[in-house]
């Protein structure tokens, strides 16, 4: 006998729930980046408030020169496509910085979409929820100790007319890295080059000890590759990864931990 009352109440409760749910996560308490090129020189939280584009053919669109930086694209786009496949411009770059987080947006048209570079000092880098597309050489490149690259979509990497024919969707260099739950789609070599969906490299005499888990790679020469040389080989484990239209799904010094296809 109480059912009609419950039925009448439910739409009201549902309306209240929907009215307080945010449309999307967004960083608003931040320093806005509104022009390019841009340099970040102090720690803090930075964000996009709209799409940004550049036609530079060399240099860096956004350079991070500090540690402890969060850069939230807020769902917007950093676009360098106007420079064409001969570009030598980089999208977002940091060198020897610690605790950098880059997240939530699209980066396209740069020789490397993201490059967090290291000569032995970087640690704690995170790249997440990024769509890296149509970058002619490398979509996402992260170096340093304990890097995490997760929940990204890397699409149509390759086609550089100024570098060798190699193309890398995700490249991770250093020790203790994590590459988790990424989609890497259509990594395309040029000429005699090699295309790798995910490439793990050891550095500075240290084995990498990487974990590569729950990624999906489509169209590449090598799906997941652990670098091997006479000097040092990358190490680590890979598990729960799926490949399609990949010539060699898994190669190099990693250990198959199961459920890879």
C-alpha atoms as a PDB file:
ATOM      1  CA  UNK A   1       0.000   0.000   0.000  1.00  0.00           C
ATOM      2  CA  UNK A   2       3.062   2.260   0.259  1.00  0.00           C
ATOM      3  CA  UNK A   3       4.256   1.751  -3.322  1.00  0.00           C
ATOM      4  CA  UNK A   4       2.547   4.827  -4.867  1.00  0.00           C
ATOM      5  CA  UNK A   5       4.198   7.110  -2.297  1.00  0.00           C
ATOM      6  CA  UNK A   6       7.650   5.605  -3.040  1.00  0.00           C
ATOM      7  CA  UNK A   7       7.107   5.973  -6.786  1.00  0.00           C
ATOM      8  CA  UNK A   8       6.197   9.608  -6.362  1.00  0.00           C
ATOM      9  CA  UNK A   9       9.276  10.298  -4.217  1.00  0.00           C
ATOM     10  CA  UNK A  10      11.867   8.594  -6.471  1.00  0.00           C
ATOM     11  CA  UNK A  11      11.823  11.167  -9.335  1.00  0.00           C
ATOM     12  CA  UNK A  12      12.393  13.976  -6.829  1.00  0.00           C
ATOM     13  CA  UNK A  13      15.389  12.210  -5.278  1.00  0.00           C
ATOM     14  CA  UNK A  14      16.807  11.411  -8.724  1.00  0.00           C
ATOM     15  CA  UNK A  15      16.452  15.042  -9.797  1.00  0.00           C
ATOM     16  CA  UNK A  16      18.331  16.202  -6.710  1.00  0.00           C
ATOM     17  CA  UNK A  17      21.182  13.751  -7.363  1.00  0.00           C
ATOM     18  CA  UNK A  18      21.508  14.803 -10.990  1.00  0.00           C
ATOM     19  CA  UNK A  19      21.398  18.475 -10.141  1.00  0.00           C
ATOM     20  CA  UNK A  20      24.540  18.269  -7.975  1.00  0.00           C
ATOM     21  CA  UNK A  21      26.581  15.952 -10.229  1.00  0.00           C
ATOM     22  CA  UNK A  22      29.381  17.871 -12.009  1.00  0.00           C
ATOM     23  CA  UNK A  23      29.424  17.861 -15.810  1.00  0.00           C
ATOM     24  CA  UNK A  24      33.143  16.973 -15.792  1.00  0.00           C
ATOM     25  CA  UNK A  25      36.188  17.235 -13.580  1.00  0.00           C
ATOM     26  CA  UNK A  26      37.964  20.533 -14.042  1.00  0.00           C
ATOM     27  CA  UNK A  27      40.839  22.315 -12.358  1.00  0.00           C
ATOM     28  CA  UNK A  28      39.823  25.908 -11.660  1.00  0.00           C
ATOM     29  CA  UNK A  29      42.138  26.919  -8.794  1.00  0.00           C
ATOM     30  CA  UNK A  30      45.155  27.225 -11.059  1.00  0.00           C
ATOM     31  CA  UNK A  31      47.336  29.525 -13.126  1.00  0.00           C
ATOM     32  CA  UNK A  32      45.908  29.657 -16.647  1.00  0.00           C
ATOM     33  CA  UNK A  33      48.099  29.113 -19.702  1.00  0.00           C
ATOM     34  CA  UNK A  34      46.585  31.178 -22.490  1.00  0.00           C
ATOM     35  CA  UNK A  35      49.397  31.823 -25.000  1.00  0.00           C
ATOM     36  CA  UNK A  36      52.208  29.882 -26.657  1.00  0.00           C
ATOM     37  CA  UNK A  37      55.056  29.355 -26.267  1.00  0.00           C
ATOM     38  CA  UNK A  38      54.811  29.221 -22.482  1.00  0.00           C
ATOM     39  CA  UNK A  39      57.266  28.514 -19.678  1.00  0.00           C
ATOM     40  CA  UNK A  40      56.380  27.261 -16.202  1.00  0.00           C
ATOM     41  CA  UNK A  41      59.089  28.396 -13.782  1.00  0.00           C
ATOM     42  CA  UNK A  42      57.493  27.887 -10.367  1.00  0.00           C
ATOM     43  CA  UNK A  43      55.846  24.939  -8.638  1.00  0.00           C
ATOM     44  CA  UNK A  44      52.066  24.918  -8.557  1.00  0.00           C
ATOM     45  CA  UNK A  45      48.905  24.042 -10.428  1.00  0.00           C
ATOM     46  CA  UNK A  46      48.492  25.196 -14.033  1.00  0.00           C
ATOM     47  CA  UNK A  47      45.659  24.680 -16.485  1.00  0.00           C
ATOM     48  CA  UNK A  48      44.185  25.364 -19.906  1.00  0.00           C
ATOM     49  CA  UNK A  49      41.047  27.464 -20.207  1.00  0.00           C
ATOM     50  CA  UNK A  50      40.673  26.896 -23.971  1.00  0.00           C
ATOM     51  CA  UNK A  51      42.277  25.252 -26.983  1.00  0.00           C
ATOM     52  CA  UNK A  52      45.833  26.388 -27.822  1.00  0.00           C
ATOM     53  CA  UNK A  53      47.616  26.011 -31.150  1.00  0.00           C
ATOM     54  CA  UNK A  54      50.974  26.909 -32.659  1.00  0.00           C
ATOM     55  CA  UNK A  55      52.669  26.612 -36.047  1.00  0.00           C
ATOM     56  CA  UNK A  56      56.271  26.688 -34.755  1.00  0.00           C
ATOM     57  CA  UNK A  57      58.489  24.168 -36.514  1.00  0.00           C
ATOM     58  CA  UNK A  58      61.151  24.045 -33.785  1.00  0.00           C
ATOM     59  CA  UNK A  59      61.375  24.765 -30.075  1.00  0.00           C
ATOM     60  CA  UNK A  60      58.912  23.924 -27.300  1.00  0.00           C
ATOM     61  CA  UNK A  61      55.265  24.881 -26.981  1.00  0.00           C
ATOM     62  CA  UNK A  62      55.190  24.501 -23.163  1.00  0.00           C
ATOM     63  CA  UNK A  63      58.384  24.103 -21.158  1.00  0.00           C
ATOM     64  CA  UNK A  64      58.261  23.111 -17.476  1.00  0.00           C
ATOM     65  CA  UNK A  65      61.321  24.414 -15.615  1.00  0.00           C
ATOM     66  CA  UNK A  66      60.240  23.569 -12.072  1.00  0.00           C
ATOM     67  CA  UNK A  67      59.374  20.548  -9.953  1.00  0.00           C
ATOM     68  CA  UNK A  68      56.064  19.819  -8.208  1.00  0.00           C
ATOM     69  CA  UNK A  69      53.912  20.991 -11.117  1.00  0.00           C
ATOM     70  CA  UNK A  70      50.428  19.863 -12.123  1.00  0.00           C
ATOM     71  CA  UNK A  71      49.390  20.765 -15.655  1.00  0.00           C
ATOM     72  CA  UNK A  72      45.710  20.056 -16.335  1.00  0.00           C
ATOM     73  CA  UNK A  73      44.572  20.583 -19.928  1.00  0.00           C
ATOM     74  CA  UNK A  74      40.976  20.532 -18.656  1.00  0.00           C
ATOM     75  CA  UNK A  75      39.764  18.639 -21.722  1.00  0.00           C
ATOM     76  CA  UNK A  76      41.266  21.152 -24.152  1.00  0.00           C
ATOM     77  CA  UNK A  77      43.786  20.684 -26.964  1.00  0.00           C
ATOM     78  CA  UNK A  78      47.431  21.604 -27.541  1.00  0.00           C
ATOM     79  CA  UNK A  79      47.717  21.601 -31.328  1.00  0.00           C
ATOM     80  CA  UNK A  80      50.886  21.729 -33.436  1.00  0.00           C
ATOM     81  CA  UNK A  81      49.563  20.104 -36.613  1.00  0.00           C
ATOM     82  CA  UNK A  82      50.059  23.249 -38.673  1.00  0.00           C
ATOM     83  CA  UNK A  83      53.836  22.631 -38.677  1.00  0.00           C
ATOM     84  CA  UNK A  84      53.398  19.420 -40.697  1.00  0.00           C
ATOM     85  CA  UNK A  85      55.319  16.112 -40.567  1.00  0.00           C
ATOM     86  CA  UNK A  86      58.669  17.934 -40.843  1.00  0.00           C
ATOM     87  CA  UNK A  87      58.223  19.586 -37.469  1.00  0.00           C
ATOM     88  CA  UNK A  88      60.995  19.633 -34.902  1.00  0.00           C
ATOM     89  CA  UNK A  89      58.799  21.284 -32.275  1.00  0.00           C
ATOM     90  CA  UNK A  90      57.958  19.611 -28.976  1.00  0.00           C
ATOM     91  CA  UNK A  91      54.620  19.799 -27.204  1.00  0.00           C
ATOM     92  CA  UNK A  92      55.251  19.695 -23.432  1.00  0.00           C
ATOM     93  CA  UNK A  93      58.823  19.286 -22.145  1.00  0.00           C
ATOM     94  CA  UNK A  94      60.486  19.092 -18.734  1.00  0.00           C
ATOM     95  CA  UNK A  95      64.121  18.257 -17.945  1.00  0.00           C
ATOM     96  CA  UNK A  96      65.267  16.857 -14.606  1.00  0.00           C
ATOM     97  CA  UNK A  97      62.089  17.917 -12.850  1.00  0.00           C
ATOM     98  CA  UNK A  98      60.422  15.939 -10.084  1.00  0.00           C
ATOM     99  CA  UNK A  99      56.767  15.208  -9.380  1.00  0.00           C
ATOM    100  CA  UNK A 100      55.325  16.476 -12.659  1.00  0.00           C
ATOM    101  CA  UNK A 101      51.728  15.548 -13.524  1.00  0.00           C
ATOM    102  CA  UNK A 102      50.261  16.161 -16.987  1.00  0.00           C
ATOM    103  CA  UNK A 103      46.641  15.179 -17.529  1.00  0.00           C
ATOM    104  CA  UNK A 104      43.233  15.531 -19.156  1.00  0.00           C
ATOM    105  CA  UNK A 105      43.522  16.722 -22.745  1.00  0.00           C
ATOM    106  CA  UNK A 106      44.735  16.274 -26.318  1.00  0.00           C
ATOM    107  CA  UNK A 107      48.259  16.872 -27.633  1.00  0.00           C
ATOM    108  CA  UNK A 108      48.891  16.532 -31.342  1.00  0.00           C
ATOM    109  CA  UNK A 109      51.239  17.400 -34.165  1.00  0.00           C
ATOM    110  CA  UNK A 110      54.605  17.560 -32.317  1.00  0.00           C
ATOM    111  CA  UNK A 111      57.779  15.548 -32.876  1.00  0.00           C
ATOM    112  CA  UNK A 112      57.188  14.332 -29.303  1.00  0.00           C
ATOM    113  CA  UNK A 113      53.837  15.153 -27.796  1.00  0.00           C
ATOM    114  CA  UNK A 114      55.090  14.920 -24.209  1.00  0.00           C
ATOM    115  CA  UNK A 115      58.759  14.593 -23.273  1.00  0.00           C
ATOM    116  CA  UNK A 116      59.652  14.453 -19.576  1.00  0.00           C
ATOM    117  CA  UNK A 117      63.399  14.067 -19.992  1.00  0.00           C
ATOM    118  CA  UNK A 118      65.988  13.001 -17.446  1.00  0.00           C
ATOM    119  CA  UNK A 119      69.747  12.870 -16.957  1.00  0.00           C
ATOM    120  CA  UNK A 120      69.555  11.167 -13.567  1.00  0.00           C
ATOM    121  CA  UNK A 121      67.474  13.442 -11.335  1.00  0.00           C
ATOM    122  CA  UNK A 122      63.814  12.982 -12.339  1.00  0.00           C
ATOM    123  CA  UNK A 123      61.302  10.970 -10.321  1.00  0.00           C
ATOM    124  CA  UNK A 124      57.612  10.674  -9.621  1.00  0.00           C
ATOM    125  CA  UNK A 125      56.325  11.728 -13.053  1.00  0.00           C
ATOM    126  CA  UNK A 126      52.693  10.996 -13.992  1.00  0.00           C
ATOM    127  CA  UNK A 127      50.997  11.279 -17.397  1.00  0.00           C
ATOM    128  CA  UNK A 128      47.330  10.321 -17.377  1.00  0.00           C
ATOM    129  CA  UNK A 129      44.138  10.743 -19.373  1.00  0.00           C
ATOM    130  CA  UNK A 130      45.965  12.246 -22.346  1.00  0.00           C
ATOM    131  CA  UNK A 131      44.983  11.753 -25.983  1.00  0.00           C
ATOM    132  CA  UNK A 132      48.242  11.959 -27.965  1.00  0.00           C
ATOM    133  CA  UNK A 133      47.486  11.890 -31.675  1.00  0.00           C
ATOM    134  CA  UNK A 134      49.305  12.413 -34.962  1.00  0.00           C
ATOM    135  CA  UNK A 135      52.676  13.078 -33.351  1.00  0.00           C
ATOM    136  CA  UNK A 136      55.293  12.259 -36.013  1.00  0.00           C
ATOM    137  CA  UNK A 137      57.870  10.462 -33.842  1.00  0.00           C
ATOM    138  CA  UNK A 138      56.778   9.750 -30.230  1.00  0.00           C
ATOM    139  CA  UNK A 139      53.404  10.253 -28.609  1.00  0.00           C
ATOM    140  CA  UNK A 140      54.382  10.147 -24.912  1.00  0.00           C
ATOM    141  CA  UNK A 141      57.981   9.898 -23.657  1.00  0.00           C
ATOM    142  CA  UNK A 142      58.627   9.795 -19.899  1.00  0.00           C
ATOM    143  CA  UNK A 143      62.021   9.331 -18.239  1.00  0.00           C
ATOM    144  CA  UNK A 144      63.078   9.001 -14.610  1.00  0.00           C
ATOM    145  CA  UNK A 145      62.534   6.885 -11.510  1.00  0.00           C
ATOM    146  CA  UNK A 146      59.034   5.611 -10.744  1.00  0.00           C
ATOM    147  CA  UNK A 147      57.197   7.132 -13.709  1.00  0.00           C
ATOM    148  CA  UNK A 148      53.515   6.278 -14.210  1.00  0.00           C
ATOM    149  CA  UNK A 149      51.843   6.441 -17.635  1.00  0.00           C
ATOM    150  CA  UNK A 150      48.195   5.433 -17.352  1.00  0.00           C
ATOM    151  CA  UNK A 151      44.775   5.686 -18.955  1.00  0.00           C
ATOM    152  CA  UNK A 152      46.011   7.386 -22.129  1.00  0.00           C
ATOM    153  CA  UNK A 153      44.991   7.055 -25.777  1.00  0.00           C
ATOM    154  CA  UNK A 154      47.881   7.280 -28.249  1.00  0.00           C
ATOM    155  CA  UNK A 155      46.751   7.349 -31.861  1.00  0.00           C
ATOM    156  CA  UNK A 156      48.390   7.581 -35.317  1.00  0.00           C
ATOM    157  CA  UNK A 157      52.003   8.091 -34.230  1.00  0.00           C
ATOM    158  CA  UNK A 158      54.667   8.310 -36.935  1.00  0.00           C
ATOM    159  CA  UNK A 159      55.357   9.927 -40.281  1.00  0.00           C
ATOM    160  CA  UNK A 160      58.260  12.236 -39.435  1.00  0.00           C
ATOM    161  CA  UNK A 161      60.095  13.425 -42.531  1.00  0.00           C
ATOM    162  CA  UNK A 162      63.195  14.642 -40.653  1.00  0.00           C
ATOM    163  CA  UNK A 163      64.061  11.784 -38.283  1.00  0.00           C
ATOM    164  CA  UNK A 164      64.653   8.122 -38.976  1.00  0.00           C
ATOM    165  CA  UNK A 165      61.654   5.993 -39.704  1.00  0.00           C
ATOM    166  CA  UNK A 166      61.123   4.773 -36.131  1.00  0.00           C
ATOM    167  CA  UNK A 167      57.878   5.569 -34.311  1.00  0.00           C
ATOM    168  CA  UNK A 168      56.982   4.969 -30.655  1.00  0.00           C
ATOM    169  CA  UNK A 169      53.521   5.308 -29.152  1.00  0.00           C
ATOM    170  CA  UNK A 170      54.700   5.302 -25.522  1.00  0.00           C
ATOM    171  CA  UNK A 171      58.365   5.352 -24.523  1.00  0.00           C
ATOM    172  CA  UNK A 172      59.343   4.961 -20.868  1.00  0.00           C
ATOM    173  CA  UNK A 173      62.927   5.200 -19.674  1.00  0.00           C
ATOM    174  CA  UNK A 174      64.244   4.630 -16.168  1.00  0.00           C
ATOM    175  CA  UNK A 175      63.667   2.402 -13.180  1.00  0.00           C
ATOM    176  CA  UNK A 176      60.452   1.183 -11.586  1.00  0.00           C
ATOM    177  CA  UNK A 177      58.101   2.587 -14.210  1.00  0.00           C
ATOM    178  CA  UNK A 178      54.430   1.655 -14.608  1.00  0.00           C
ATOM    179  CA  UNK A 179      52.572   1.610 -17.930  1.00  0.00           C
ATOM    180  CA  UNK A 180      48.944   0.889 -17.121  1.00  0.00           C
ATOM    181  CA  UNK A 181      45.670   0.709 -19.043  1.00  0.00           C
ATOM    182  CA  UNK A 182      46.642   2.577 -22.206  1.00  0.00           C
ATOM    183  CA  UNK A 183      45.278   2.270 -25.745  1.00  0.00           C
ATOM    184  CA  UNK A 184      47.982   2.565 -28.412  1.00  0.00           C
ATOM    185  CA  UNK A 185      46.521   2.557 -31.898  1.00  0.00           C
ATOM    186  CA  UNK A 186      48.324   2.683 -35.248  1.00  0.00           C
ATOM    187  CA  UNK A 187      51.991   3.323 -34.642  1.00  0.00           C
ATOM    188  CA  UNK A 188      53.472   3.533 -38.158  1.00  0.00           C
ATOM    189  CA  UNK A 189      57.133   3.375 -39.237  1.00  0.00           C
ATOM    190  CA  UNK A 190      58.701   5.004 -42.262  1.00  0.00           C
ATOM    191  CA  UNK A 191      61.009   3.125 -44.646  1.00  0.00           C
ATOM    192  CA  UNK A 192      63.316   0.767 -42.771  1.00  0.00           C
ATOM    193  CA  UNK A 193      62.319   2.033 -39.353  1.00  0.00           C
ATOM    194  CA  UNK A 194      60.536   0.140 -36.600  1.00  0.00           C
ATOM    195  CA  UNK A 195      57.244   0.950 -34.933  1.00  0.00           C
ATOM    196  CA  UNK A 196      56.681   0.074 -31.275  1.00  0.00           C
ATOM    197  CA  UNK A 197      53.473   0.520 -29.358  1.00  0.00           C
ATOM    198  CA  UNK A 198      55.146   0.578 -25.923  1.00  0.00           C
ATOM    199  CA  UNK A 199      58.947   0.722 -25.548  1.00  0.00           C
ATOM    200  CA  UNK A 200      60.734   0.206 -22.207  1.00  0.00           C
ATOM    201  CA  UNK A 201      64.367   1.352 -21.931  1.00  0.00           C
ATOM    202  CA  UNK A 202      66.879   0.954 -19.075  1.00  0.00           C
ATOM    203  CA  UNK A 203      69.118   3.927 -18.327  1.00  0.00           C
ATOM    204  CA  UNK A 204      72.219   4.959 -16.351  1.00  0.00           C
ATOM    205  CA  UNK A 205      73.309   1.391 -15.740  1.00  0.00           C
ATOM    206  CA  UNK A 206      70.085   0.431 -13.991  1.00  0.00           C
ATOM    207  CA  UNK A 207      67.705  -2.300 -15.093  1.00  0.00           C
ATOM    208  CA  UNK A 208      64.266  -0.848 -15.609  1.00  0.00           C
ATOM    209  CA  UNK A 209      62.073  -3.141 -13.475  1.00  0.00           C
ATOM    210  CA  UNK A 210      58.985  -1.935 -15.336  1.00  0.00           C
ATOM    211  CA  UNK A 211      55.434  -3.245 -14.971  1.00  0.00           C
ATOM    212  CA  UNK A 212      53.323  -3.086 -18.140  1.00  0.00           C
ATOM    213  CA  UNK A 213      49.746  -4.091 -17.353  1.00  0.00           C
ATOM    214  CA  UNK A 214      46.358  -4.025 -19.076  1.00  0.00           C
ATOM    215  CA  UNK A 215      47.275  -2.198 -22.280  1.00  0.00           C
ATOM    216  CA  UNK A 216      45.783  -2.605 -25.739  1.00  0.00           C
ATOM    217  CA  UNK A 217      47.951  -2.173 -28.836  1.00  0.00           C
ATOM    218  CA  UNK A 218      46.762  -2.199 -32.439  1.00  0.00           C
ATOM    219  CA  UNK A 219      48.921  -1.975 -35.583  1.00  0.00           C
ATOM    220  CA  UNK A 220      52.656  -1.893 -34.891  1.00  0.00           C
ATOM    221  CA  UNK A 221      55.787  -3.914 -35.651  1.00  0.00           C
ATOM    222  CA  UNK A 222      56.295  -4.632 -31.939  1.00  0.00           C
ATOM    223  CA  UNK A 223      53.533  -4.327 -29.360  1.00  0.00           C
ATOM    224  CA  UNK A 224      55.557  -4.159 -26.128  1.00  0.00           C
ATOM    225  CA  UNK A 225      59.342  -4.074 -26.420  1.00  0.00           C
ATOM    226  CA  UNK A 226      61.930  -4.213 -23.630  1.00  0.00           C
ATOM    227  CA  UNK A 227      65.219  -2.809 -24.935  1.00  0.00           C
ATOM    228  CA  UNK A 228      68.112  -5.285 -25.067  1.00  0.00           C
ATOM    229  CA  UNK A 229      71.789  -4.505 -25.728  1.00  0.00           C
ATOM    230  CA  UNK A 230      75.212  -5.951 -24.927  1.00  0.00           C
ATOM    231  CA  UNK A 231      75.640  -3.309 -22.195  1.00  0.00           C
ATOM    232  CA  UNK A 232      72.312  -3.365 -20.338  1.00  0.00           C
ATOM    233  CA  UNK A 233      68.882  -4.830 -20.911  1.00  0.00           C
ATOM    234  CA  UNK A 234      65.532  -3.539 -19.729  1.00  0.00           C
ATOM    235  CA  UNK A 235      63.750  -5.808 -17.280  1.00  0.00           C
ATOM    236  CA  UNK A 236      60.240  -6.063 -15.926  1.00  0.00           C
ATOM    237  CA  UNK A 237      56.982  -7.936 -16.296  1.00  0.00           C
ATOM    238  CA  UNK A 238      53.977  -7.609 -18.568  1.00  0.00           C
ATOM    239  CA  UNK A 239      50.499  -8.946 -17.875  1.00  0.00           C
ATOM    240  CA  UNK A 240      46.914  -8.715 -19.155  1.00  0.00           C
ATOM    241  CA  UNK A 241      47.855  -6.981 -22.414  1.00  0.00           C
ATOM    242  CA  UNK A 242      46.051  -7.420 -25.738  1.00  0.00           C
ATOM    243  CA  UNK A 243      47.377  -6.877 -29.266  1.00  0.00           C
ATOM    244  CA  UNK A 244      45.899  -6.952 -32.748  1.00  0.00           C
ATOM    245  CA  UNK A 245      47.605  -6.541 -36.142  1.00  0.00           C
ATOM    246  CA  UNK A 246      51.009  -6.491 -34.436  1.00  0.00           C
ATOM    247  CA  UNK A 247      53.853  -8.373 -36.131  1.00  0.00           C
ATOM    248  CA  UNK A 248      55.706  -9.233 -32.895  1.00  0.00           C
ATOM    249  CA  UNK A 249      53.409  -8.738 -29.901  1.00  0.00           C
ATOM    250  CA  UNK A 250      56.112  -8.967 -27.187  1.00  0.00           C
ATOM    251  CA  UNK A 251      59.899  -8.705 -27.486  1.00  0.00           C
ATOM    252  CA  UNK A 252      63.037  -8.126 -25.461  1.00  0.00           C
ATOM    253  CA  UNK A 253      63.978  -8.586 -21.828  1.00  0.00           C
ATOM    254  CA  UNK A 254      60.574  -8.565 -20.125  1.00  0.00           C
ATOM    255  CA  UNK A 255      58.938 -11.526 -18.386  1.00  0.00           C
ATOM    256  CA  UNK A 256      55.493 -12.728 -19.401  1.00  0.00           C
ATOM    257  CA  UNK A 257      53.442 -12.712 -16.186  1.00  0.00           C
ATOM    258  CA  UNK A 258      50.357 -14.133 -17.829  1.00  0.00           C
ATOM    259  CA  UNK A 259      47.144 -13.470 -19.715  1.00  0.00           C
ATOM    260  CA  UNK A 260      48.770 -11.680 -22.656  1.00  0.00           C
ATOM    261  CA  UNK A 261      47.246 -12.202 -26.083  1.00  0.00           C
END
